[in-house]
Amino acid sequence: MEMVQISHRILVGYASKDGATKEASGIIAEVLKKKYNVTVDLIDLKKTSPKLEEYDKLVVGAGVRAGKVYSDALKFLKQNFESKKVAFFVCCGGAGDPKKYEEAYKNYVTDVLANYPNLKPISTEAFGGRMKILGKTVFDTFDSKKIKNWAEKIDF
C-alpha cells in the first residue's frame, strides 16, 4: 500500500488589484489557521507561482474588473487539481449587491469554472468588492463577516 503524504499546510492563493481579494484572502487564511490548527500560506498569484504538489487543500481567490476575472487566477486554475480539495471565490462589486448577486455568481463563478472541467471545488462563493479611481473609493460592497462565515464552513 502506497503512503500518501498529506500536507499540514493550506494554500490561499489570490489575484487582487485594489486589495479586496487580498483582504478577503487574509480573512480566510486566519479562519482556516484557527479552525484546522495548521500553517496557511497566503500567496499573491501575480508575484509567485506556488508549487501545487506541496498542498492538498487550497483556496483560490480572484478579483473581477470590467467583467473579467483576473488572469493570474485563471492561469493558476489551469493546473491539475486531481486529488486536491479546492475552494474558489471571487470579489466583485456586483456580488455585494443583493439585486445583482445571482448574476455575478453565475458570470464569475459558475461560468468561469465551466472552463475548468477537471476542477471540482468543494465550496464556491462570490463576495462584494471595492473599486478605487485615482485613490478615491467609488464603491465598497466588501463584507468581511460574510467572508468569515464562508471560510468557517469550508470543510477540508
N, C-alpha and C. Protein backbone atom coordinates (compact mmCIF):
# COMPACT_ATOMS: atom_id res chain seq x y z
N MET A 1 0.84 -1.18 0.00
CA MET A 1 0.00 0.00 0.00
C MET A 1 0.89 1.25 0.00
N GLU A 2 0.57 2.18 -0.91
CA GLU A 2 1.37 3.39 -1.06
C GLU A 2 0.99 4.41 0.00
N MET A 3 2.00 5.01 0.60
CA MET A 3 1.76 6.06 1.59
C MET A 3 1.48 7.37 0.87
N VAL A 4 0.40 8.01 1.24
CA VAL A 4 0.09 9.32 0.66
C VAL A 4 0.46 10.37 1.68
N GLN A 5 1.33 11.26 1.28
CA GLN A 5 1.74 12.31 2.21
C GLN A 5 0.71 13.44 2.18
N ILE A 6 0.19 13.75 3.33
CA ILE A 6 -0.78 14.83 3.46
C ILE A 6 -0.06 16.05 4.00
N SER A 7 -0.24 17.15 3.32
CA SER A 7 0.38 18.39 3.76
C SER A 7 -0.39 18.96 4.95
N HIS A 8 0.36 19.42 5.90
CA HIS A 8 -0.26 20.08 7.04
C HIS A 8 -0.25 21.60 6.83
N ARG A 9 -0.34 21.97 5.57
CA ARG A 9 -0.41 23.37 5.19
C ARG A 9 -1.56 23.54 4.21
N ILE A 10 -2.15 24.70 4.25
CA ILE A 10 -3.21 25.06 3.30
C ILE A 10 -2.71 26.26 2.51
N LEU A 11 -2.97 26.25 1.22
CA LEU A 11 -2.63 27.38 0.36
C LEU A 11 -3.86 28.26 0.17
N VAL A 12 -3.70 29.54 0.40
CA VAL A 12 -4.71 30.52 0.00
C VAL A 12 -4.00 31.42 -1.02
N GLY A 13 -4.33 31.20 -2.29
CA GLY A 13 -3.72 31.97 -3.37
C GLY A 13 -4.73 32.94 -3.94
N TYR A 14 -4.28 34.14 -4.27
CA TYR A 14 -5.22 35.16 -4.73
C TYR A 14 -4.61 36.04 -5.81
N ALA A 15 -5.50 36.64 -6.62
CA ALA A 15 -5.12 37.67 -7.58
C ALA A 15 -5.98 38.89 -7.27
N SER A 16 -5.32 40.02 -6.93
CA SER A 16 -6.03 41.20 -6.46
C SER A 16 -5.41 42.45 -7.07
N LYS A 17 -6.22 43.49 -7.28
CA LYS A 17 -5.69 44.76 -7.77
C LYS A 17 -5.93 45.88 -6.77
N ASP A 18 -7.18 46.11 -6.38
CA ASP A 18 -7.47 47.18 -5.42
C ASP A 18 -7.45 46.71 -3.97
N GLY A 19 -7.17 45.43 -3.75
CA GLY A 19 -6.96 44.95 -2.40
C GLY A 19 -8.11 44.19 -1.75
N ALA A 20 -9.30 44.20 -2.33
CA ALA A 20 -10.43 43.50 -1.71
C ALA A 20 -10.18 41.99 -1.66
N THR A 21 -9.69 41.42 -2.75
CA THR A 21 -9.45 39.98 -2.78
C THR A 21 -8.29 39.60 -1.86
N LYS A 22 -7.28 40.45 -1.80
CA LYS A 22 -6.17 40.21 -0.87
C LYS A 22 -6.68 40.24 0.57
N GLU A 23 -7.52 41.22 0.89
CA GLU A 23 -8.07 41.32 2.24
C GLU A 23 -8.95 40.11 2.56
N ALA A 24 -9.79 39.72 1.61
CA ALA A 24 -10.66 38.55 1.80
C ALA A 24 -9.81 37.30 2.03
N SER A 25 -8.74 37.16 1.26
CA SER A 25 -7.85 36.01 1.40
C SER A 25 -7.21 35.97 2.77
N GLY A 26 -6.84 37.13 3.29
CA GLY A 26 -6.26 37.21 4.63
C GLY A 26 -7.25 36.78 5.70
N ILE A 27 -8.50 37.19 5.56
CA ILE A 27 -9.55 36.78 6.50
C ILE A 27 -9.73 35.26 6.44
N ILE A 28 -9.80 34.73 5.24
CA ILE A 28 -9.98 33.27 5.05
C ILE A 28 -8.80 32.52 5.65
N ALA A 29 -7.59 33.00 5.40
CA ALA A 29 -6.38 32.34 5.93
C ALA A 29 -6.42 32.29 7.46
N GLU A 30 -6.81 33.39 8.09
CA GLU A 30 -6.87 33.43 9.55
C GLU A 30 -7.90 32.44 10.09
N VAL A 31 -9.08 32.39 9.47
CA VAL A 31 -10.12 31.46 9.90
C VAL A 31 -9.64 30.02 9.77
N LEU A 32 -9.03 29.68 8.63
CA LEU A 32 -8.57 28.30 8.40
C LEU A 32 -7.45 27.92 9.35
N LYS A 33 -6.56 28.88 9.64
CA LYS A 33 -5.46 28.64 10.57
C LYS A 33 -6.01 28.23 11.94
N LYS A 34 -7.00 28.97 12.41
CA LYS A 34 -7.61 28.67 13.71
C LYS A 34 -8.42 27.39 13.67
N LYS A 35 -9.21 27.21 12.61
CA LYS A 35 -10.11 26.06 12.52
C LYS A 35 -9.34 24.74 12.46
N TYR A 36 -8.28 24.69 11.65
CA TYR A 36 -7.55 23.44 11.43
C TYR A 36 -6.23 23.35 12.18
N ASN A 37 -5.81 24.45 12.82
CA ASN A 37 -4.55 24.48 13.56
C ASN A 37 -3.37 24.04 12.68
N VAL A 38 -3.31 24.64 11.50
CA VAL A 38 -2.24 24.34 10.54
C VAL A 38 -1.65 25.65 10.02
N THR A 39 -0.52 25.53 9.34
CA THR A 39 0.07 26.67 8.66
C THR A 39 -0.74 26.96 7.41
N VAL A 40 -1.04 28.22 7.18
CA VAL A 40 -1.73 28.63 5.97
C VAL A 40 -0.82 29.60 5.23
N ASP A 41 -0.47 29.23 4.00
CA ASP A 41 0.39 30.08 3.17
C ASP A 41 -0.49 31.00 2.33
N LEU A 42 -0.32 32.30 2.51
CA LEU A 42 -1.07 33.31 1.78
C LEU A 42 -0.17 33.81 0.65
N ILE A 43 -0.57 33.55 -0.59
CA ILE A 43 0.32 33.81 -1.72
C ILE A 43 -0.38 34.64 -2.80
N ASP A 44 0.29 35.72 -3.21
CA ASP A 44 -0.18 36.57 -4.31
C ASP A 44 0.19 35.88 -5.62
N LEU A 45 -0.81 35.44 -6.36
CA LEU A 45 -0.57 34.68 -7.59
C LEU A 45 0.05 35.53 -8.70
N LYS A 46 0.01 36.85 -8.55
CA LYS A 46 0.67 37.72 -9.54
C LYS A 46 2.17 37.71 -9.35
N LYS A 47 2.61 37.45 -8.11
CA LYS A 47 4.04 37.53 -7.79
C LYS A 47 4.71 36.17 -7.72
N THR A 48 3.95 35.15 -7.35
CA THR A 48 4.53 33.83 -7.09
C THR A 48 3.64 32.74 -7.67
N SER A 49 4.28 31.73 -8.21
CA SER A 49 3.54 30.56 -8.68
C SER A 49 3.85 29.42 -7.70
N PRO A 50 2.94 29.16 -6.76
CA PRO A 50 3.22 28.14 -5.74
C PRO A 50 3.33 26.75 -6.32
N LYS A 51 4.10 25.91 -5.64
CA LYS A 51 4.26 24.51 -6.07
C LYS A 51 3.03 23.74 -5.59
N LEU A 52 2.20 23.36 -6.53
CA LEU A 52 0.93 22.71 -6.23
C LEU A 52 1.10 21.41 -5.47
N GLU A 53 2.20 20.70 -5.75
CA GLU A 53 2.41 19.40 -5.09
C GLU A 53 2.62 19.52 -3.58
N GLU A 54 2.88 20.73 -3.10
CA GLU A 54 3.09 20.93 -1.66
C GLU A 54 1.79 21.03 -0.88
N TYR A 55 0.65 21.05 -1.59
CA TYR A 55 -0.63 21.27 -0.93
C TYR A 55 -1.66 20.25 -1.39
N ASP A 56 -2.53 19.84 -0.47
CA ASP A 56 -3.68 19.04 -0.88
C ASP A 56 -4.98 19.78 -0.59
N LYS A 57 -4.85 20.97 0.04
CA LYS A 57 -6.00 21.81 0.33
C LYS A 57 -5.67 23.24 -0.10
N LEU A 58 -6.55 23.80 -0.93
CA LEU A 58 -6.29 25.13 -1.46
C LEU A 58 -7.55 25.97 -1.51
N VAL A 59 -7.37 27.27 -1.35
CA VAL A 59 -8.42 28.24 -1.62
C VAL A 59 -7.85 29.18 -2.66
N VAL A 60 -8.61 29.41 -3.74
CA VAL A 60 -8.17 30.31 -4.80
C VAL A 60 -9.17 31.46 -4.88
N GLY A 61 -8.64 32.69 -4.81
CA GLY A 61 -9.49 33.87 -4.89
C GLY A 61 -9.08 34.75 -6.04
N ALA A 62 -10.09 35.36 -6.68
CA ALA A 62 -9.82 36.22 -7.83
C ALA A 62 -10.67 37.47 -7.76
N GLY A 63 -10.07 38.57 -8.13
CA GLY A 63 -10.83 39.80 -8.28
C GLY A 63 -11.43 39.84 -9.67
N VAL A 64 -12.36 40.76 -9.84
CA VAL A 64 -13.03 40.96 -11.13
C VAL A 64 -13.00 42.44 -11.43
N ARG A 65 -12.64 42.76 -12.66
CA ARG A 65 -12.70 44.16 -13.09
C ARG A 65 -13.19 44.20 -14.52
N ALA A 66 -14.09 45.13 -14.79
CA ALA A 66 -14.64 45.32 -16.13
C ALA A 66 -15.17 44.00 -16.71
N GLY A 67 -15.80 43.21 -15.85
CA GLY A 67 -16.42 41.97 -16.32
C GLY A 67 -15.47 40.83 -16.57
N LYS A 68 -14.22 40.97 -16.13
CA LYS A 68 -13.22 39.91 -16.36
C LYS A 68 -12.57 39.49 -15.05
N VAL A 69 -12.50 38.17 -14.86
CA VAL A 69 -11.80 37.61 -13.71
C VAL A 69 -10.30 37.75 -13.98
N TYR A 70 -9.54 38.14 -12.97
CA TYR A 70 -8.11 38.39 -13.15
C TYR A 70 -7.38 37.18 -13.72
N SER A 71 -6.59 37.43 -14.73
CA SER A 71 -5.93 36.37 -15.49
C SER A 71 -4.94 35.55 -14.65
N ASP A 72 -4.31 36.15 -13.64
CA ASP A 72 -3.35 35.40 -12.83
C ASP A 72 -4.05 34.24 -12.12
N ALA A 73 -5.27 34.45 -11.67
CA ALA A 73 -6.03 33.38 -11.02
C ALA A 73 -6.45 32.34 -12.05
N LEU A 74 -6.90 32.78 -13.22
CA LEU A 74 -7.33 31.84 -14.27
C LEU A 74 -6.17 30.97 -14.73
N LYS A 75 -5.00 31.56 -14.86
CA LYS A 75 -3.81 30.79 -15.25
C LYS A 75 -3.52 29.71 -14.20
N PHE A 76 -3.63 30.06 -12.94
CA PHE A 76 -3.40 29.11 -11.85
C PHE A 76 -4.39 27.95 -11.91
N LEU A 77 -5.64 28.25 -12.27
CA LEU A 77 -6.69 27.21 -12.32
C LEU A 77 -6.47 26.18 -13.43
N LYS A 78 -5.56 26.45 -14.36
CA LYS A 78 -5.30 25.51 -15.46
C LYS A 78 -4.52 24.27 -15.01
N GLN A 79 -4.01 24.28 -13.79
CA GLN A 79 -3.21 23.16 -13.30
C GLN A 79 -4.08 21.95 -12.99
N ASN A 80 -3.41 20.84 -12.71
CA ASN A 80 -4.12 19.60 -12.37
C ASN A 80 -4.39 19.56 -10.87
N PHE A 81 -5.66 19.66 -10.51
CA PHE A 81 -6.05 19.66 -9.10
C PHE A 81 -6.59 18.30 -8.65
N GLU A 82 -6.30 17.27 -9.44
CA GLU A 82 -6.75 15.92 -9.09
C GLU A 82 -6.26 15.57 -7.69
N SER A 83 -7.12 15.00 -6.89
CA SER A 83 -6.85 14.57 -5.51
C SER A 83 -6.64 15.74 -4.54
N LYS A 84 -6.98 16.94 -4.97
CA LYS A 84 -6.84 18.10 -4.09
C LYS A 84 -8.23 18.65 -3.77
N LYS A 85 -8.36 19.18 -2.56
CA LYS A 85 -9.60 19.84 -2.18
C LYS A 85 -9.41 21.34 -2.42
N VAL A 86 -10.28 21.90 -3.25
CA VAL A 86 -10.14 23.29 -3.65
C VAL A 86 -11.44 24.05 -3.38
N ALA A 87 -11.31 25.23 -2.81
CA ALA A 87 -12.41 26.17 -2.68
C ALA A 87 -12.07 27.38 -3.56
N PHE A 88 -13.09 28.00 -4.14
CA PHE A 88 -12.87 29.11 -5.07
C PHE A 88 -13.82 30.25 -4.73
N PHE A 89 -13.30 31.48 -4.80
CA PHE A 89 -14.16 32.65 -4.61
C PHE A 89 -13.71 33.80 -5.49
N VAL A 90 -14.63 34.71 -5.71
CA VAL A 90 -14.30 35.96 -6.40
C VAL A 90 -14.77 37.12 -5.53
N CYS A 91 -14.15 38.26 -5.75
CA CYS A 91 -14.61 39.53 -5.16
C CYS A 91 -14.95 40.45 -6.33
N CYS A 92 -16.18 40.93 -6.35
CA CYS A 92 -16.58 41.89 -7.36
C CYS A 92 -17.72 42.74 -6.80
N GLY A 93 -17.80 43.95 -7.27
CA GLY A 93 -18.79 44.88 -6.74
C GLY A 93 -20.21 44.35 -6.82
N GLY A 94 -20.58 43.77 -7.95
CA GLY A 94 -21.95 43.28 -8.13
C GLY A 94 -22.35 42.22 -7.14
N ALA A 95 -21.43 41.38 -6.73
CA ALA A 95 -21.76 40.29 -5.81
C ALA A 95 -22.16 40.82 -4.44
N GLY A 96 -21.78 42.04 -4.12
CA GLY A 96 -22.14 42.63 -2.84
C GLY A 96 -23.50 43.30 -2.85
N ASP A 97 -24.12 43.36 -4.01
CA ASP A 97 -25.45 43.97 -4.15
C ASP A 97 -26.47 42.83 -4.25
N PRO A 98 -27.38 42.70 -3.28
CA PRO A 98 -28.33 41.58 -3.30
C PRO A 98 -29.10 41.45 -4.62
N LYS A 99 -29.34 42.58 -5.30
CA LYS A 99 -30.08 42.53 -6.57
C LYS A 99 -29.22 41.98 -7.70
N LYS A 100 -27.91 42.06 -7.56
CA LYS A 100 -27.00 41.64 -8.64
C LYS A 100 -26.21 40.38 -8.29
N TYR A 101 -26.39 39.86 -7.06
CA TYR A 101 -25.58 38.73 -6.59
C TYR A 101 -25.69 37.52 -7.52
N GLU A 102 -26.90 37.07 -7.82
CA GLU A 102 -27.09 35.85 -8.64
C GLU A 102 -26.39 35.98 -9.99
N GLU A 103 -26.53 37.12 -10.62
CA GLU A 103 -25.89 37.34 -11.92
C GLU A 103 -24.37 37.32 -11.78
N ALA A 104 -23.86 37.98 -10.74
CA ALA A 104 -22.41 38.00 -10.52
C ALA A 104 -21.89 36.59 -10.25
N TYR A 105 -22.59 35.82 -9.43
CA TYR A 105 -22.17 34.45 -9.13
C TYR A 105 -22.14 33.61 -10.40
N LYS A 106 -23.19 33.72 -11.21
CA LYS A 106 -23.25 32.96 -12.46
C LYS A 106 -22.09 33.36 -13.39
N ASN A 107 -21.90 34.65 -13.57
CA ASN A 107 -20.88 35.14 -14.51
C ASN A 107 -19.46 34.83 -14.09
N TYR A 108 -19.17 34.98 -12.79
CA TYR A 108 -17.77 34.93 -12.35
C TYR A 108 -17.39 33.68 -11.57
N VAL A 109 -18.37 32.87 -11.21
CA VAL A 109 -18.07 31.59 -10.57
C VAL A 109 -18.52 30.44 -11.47
N THR A 110 -19.82 30.30 -11.66
CA THR A 110 -20.36 29.18 -12.45
C THR A 110 -19.77 29.15 -13.87
N ASP A 111 -19.88 30.26 -14.58
CA ASP A 111 -19.43 30.30 -15.98
C ASP A 111 -17.91 30.16 -16.10
N VAL A 112 -17.18 30.77 -15.17
CA VAL A 112 -15.71 30.69 -15.21
C VAL A 112 -15.26 29.25 -14.93
N LEU A 113 -15.82 28.63 -13.89
CA LEU A 113 -15.40 27.27 -13.54
C LEU A 113 -15.81 26.25 -14.59
N ALA A 114 -16.80 26.56 -15.41
CA ALA A 114 -17.20 25.66 -16.50
C ALA A 114 -16.05 25.48 -17.50
N ASN A 115 -15.12 26.43 -17.53
CA ASN A 115 -13.95 26.34 -18.42
C ASN A 115 -12.86 25.43 -17.86
N TYR A 116 -13.05 24.92 -16.63
CA TYR A 116 -12.07 24.07 -15.98
C TYR A 116 -12.77 22.80 -15.49
N PRO A 117 -13.18 21.93 -16.43
CA PRO A 117 -13.98 20.76 -16.05
C PRO A 117 -13.28 19.78 -15.11
N ASN A 118 -11.97 19.82 -15.03
CA ASN A 118 -11.24 18.93 -14.13
C ASN A 118 -11.19 19.47 -12.70
N LEU A 119 -11.61 20.71 -12.52
CA LEU A 119 -11.62 21.32 -11.20
C LEU A 119 -13.01 21.13 -10.59
N LYS A 120 -13.06 20.45 -9.47
CA LYS A 120 -14.33 20.18 -8.78
C LYS A 120 -14.26 20.80 -7.38
N PRO A 121 -14.56 22.10 -7.27
CA PRO A 121 -14.41 22.77 -5.98
C PRO A 121 -15.37 22.21 -4.93
N ILE A 122 -14.89 22.17 -3.69
CA ILE A 122 -15.72 21.71 -2.58
C ILE A 122 -16.61 22.84 -2.07
N SER A 123 -16.24 24.09 -2.40
CA SER A 123 -17.02 25.25 -1.98
C SER A 123 -16.69 26.42 -2.89
N THR A 124 -17.71 27.22 -3.22
CA THR A 124 -17.50 28.41 -4.05
C THR A 124 -18.35 29.55 -3.48
N GLU A 125 -17.91 30.79 -3.77
CA GLU A 125 -18.69 31.94 -3.32
C GLU A 125 -18.27 33.18 -4.09
N ALA A 126 -19.16 34.15 -4.10
CA ALA A 126 -18.86 35.47 -4.69
C ALA A 126 -19.12 36.51 -3.61
N PHE A 127 -18.13 37.33 -3.37
CA PHE A 127 -18.22 38.38 -2.36
C PHE A 127 -18.21 39.74 -3.04
N GLY A 128 -18.67 40.73 -2.32
CA GLY A 128 -18.58 42.10 -2.81
C GLY A 128 -17.12 42.53 -2.88
N GLY A 129 -16.91 43.68 -3.45
CA GLY A 129 -15.56 44.19 -3.58
C GLY A 129 -15.56 45.69 -3.40
N ARG A 130 -14.50 46.30 -3.87
CA ARG A 130 -14.44 47.76 -3.83
C ARG A 130 -13.61 48.23 -5.02
N MET A 131 -13.90 49.43 -5.44
CA MET A 131 -13.15 49.99 -6.55
C MET A 131 -12.70 51.39 -6.19
N LYS A 132 -11.45 51.65 -6.50
CA LYS A 132 -10.88 52.97 -6.29
C LYS A 132 -10.49 53.54 -7.64
N ILE A 133 -10.77 54.82 -7.83
CA ILE A 133 -10.31 55.53 -9.02
C ILE A 133 -9.54 56.74 -8.52
N LEU A 134 -8.29 56.85 -8.96
CA LEU A 134 -7.40 57.93 -8.51
C LEU A 134 -7.36 58.04 -6.99
N GLY A 135 -7.33 56.85 -6.34
CA GLY A 135 -7.19 56.82 -4.89
C GLY A 135 -8.49 57.01 -4.11
N LYS A 136 -9.57 57.33 -4.81
CA LYS A 136 -10.85 57.53 -4.13
C LYS A 136 -11.74 56.30 -4.31
N THR A 137 -12.36 55.85 -3.22
CA THR A 137 -13.25 54.70 -3.30
C THR A 137 -14.54 55.11 -4.00
N VAL A 138 -14.83 54.45 -5.11
CA VAL A 138 -16.02 54.73 -5.90
C VAL A 138 -17.20 53.92 -5.37
N PHE A 139 -16.93 52.66 -5.02
CA PHE A 139 -17.94 51.84 -4.35
C PHE A 139 -17.26 50.83 -3.46
N ASP A 140 -17.99 50.37 -2.44
CA ASP A 140 -17.45 49.41 -1.50
C ASP A 140 -18.59 48.51 -1.03
N THR A 141 -18.60 47.27 -1.52
CA THR A 141 -19.63 46.31 -1.12
C THR A 141 -18.97 45.13 -0.39
N PHE A 142 -17.77 45.35 0.11
CA PHE A 142 -16.99 44.32 0.81
C PHE A 142 -17.66 43.99 2.14
N ASP A 143 -17.80 42.69 2.44
CA ASP A 143 -18.48 42.26 3.66
C ASP A 143 -17.62 41.21 4.36
N SER A 144 -16.79 41.67 5.31
CA SER A 144 -15.85 40.75 5.97
C SER A 144 -16.57 39.68 6.78
N LYS A 145 -17.74 39.97 7.30
CA LYS A 145 -18.49 38.97 8.07
C LYS A 145 -18.94 37.81 7.18
N LYS A 146 -19.41 38.13 5.97
CA LYS A 146 -19.82 37.08 5.02
C LYS A 146 -18.62 36.20 4.65
N ILE A 147 -17.47 36.83 4.46
CA ILE A 147 -16.26 36.09 4.10
C ILE A 147 -15.86 35.15 5.24
N LYS A 148 -15.87 35.67 6.44
CA LYS A 148 -15.51 34.86 7.61
C LYS A 148 -16.47 33.67 7.76
N ASN A 149 -17.76 33.93 7.60
CA ASN A 149 -18.77 32.85 7.72
C ASN A 149 -18.54 31.77 6.67
N TRP A 150 -18.22 32.17 5.43
CA TRP A 150 -17.96 31.18 4.37
C TRP A 150 -16.72 30.36 4.72
N ALA A 151 -15.66 31.03 5.15
CA ALA A 151 -14.41 30.33 5.48
C ALA A 151 -14.63 29.32 6.59
N GLU A 152 -15.46 29.65 7.56
CA GLU A 152 -15.73 28.72 8.66
C GLU A 152 -16.46 27.47 8.19
N LYS A 153 -17.15 27.57 7.06
CA LYS A 153 -17.92 26.43 6.54
C LYS A 153 -17.12 25.57 5.55
N ILE A 154 -15.95 26.01 5.15
CA ILE A 154 -15.13 25.21 4.23
C ILE A 154 -14.74 23.94 4.97
N ASP A 155 -15.06 22.82 4.39
CA ASP A 155 -14.85 21.53 5.04
C ASP A 155 -13.72 20.76 4.36
N PHE A 156 -12.51 21.06 4.79
CA PHE A 156 -11.35 20.34 4.25
C PHE A 156 -11.21 19.02 4.97
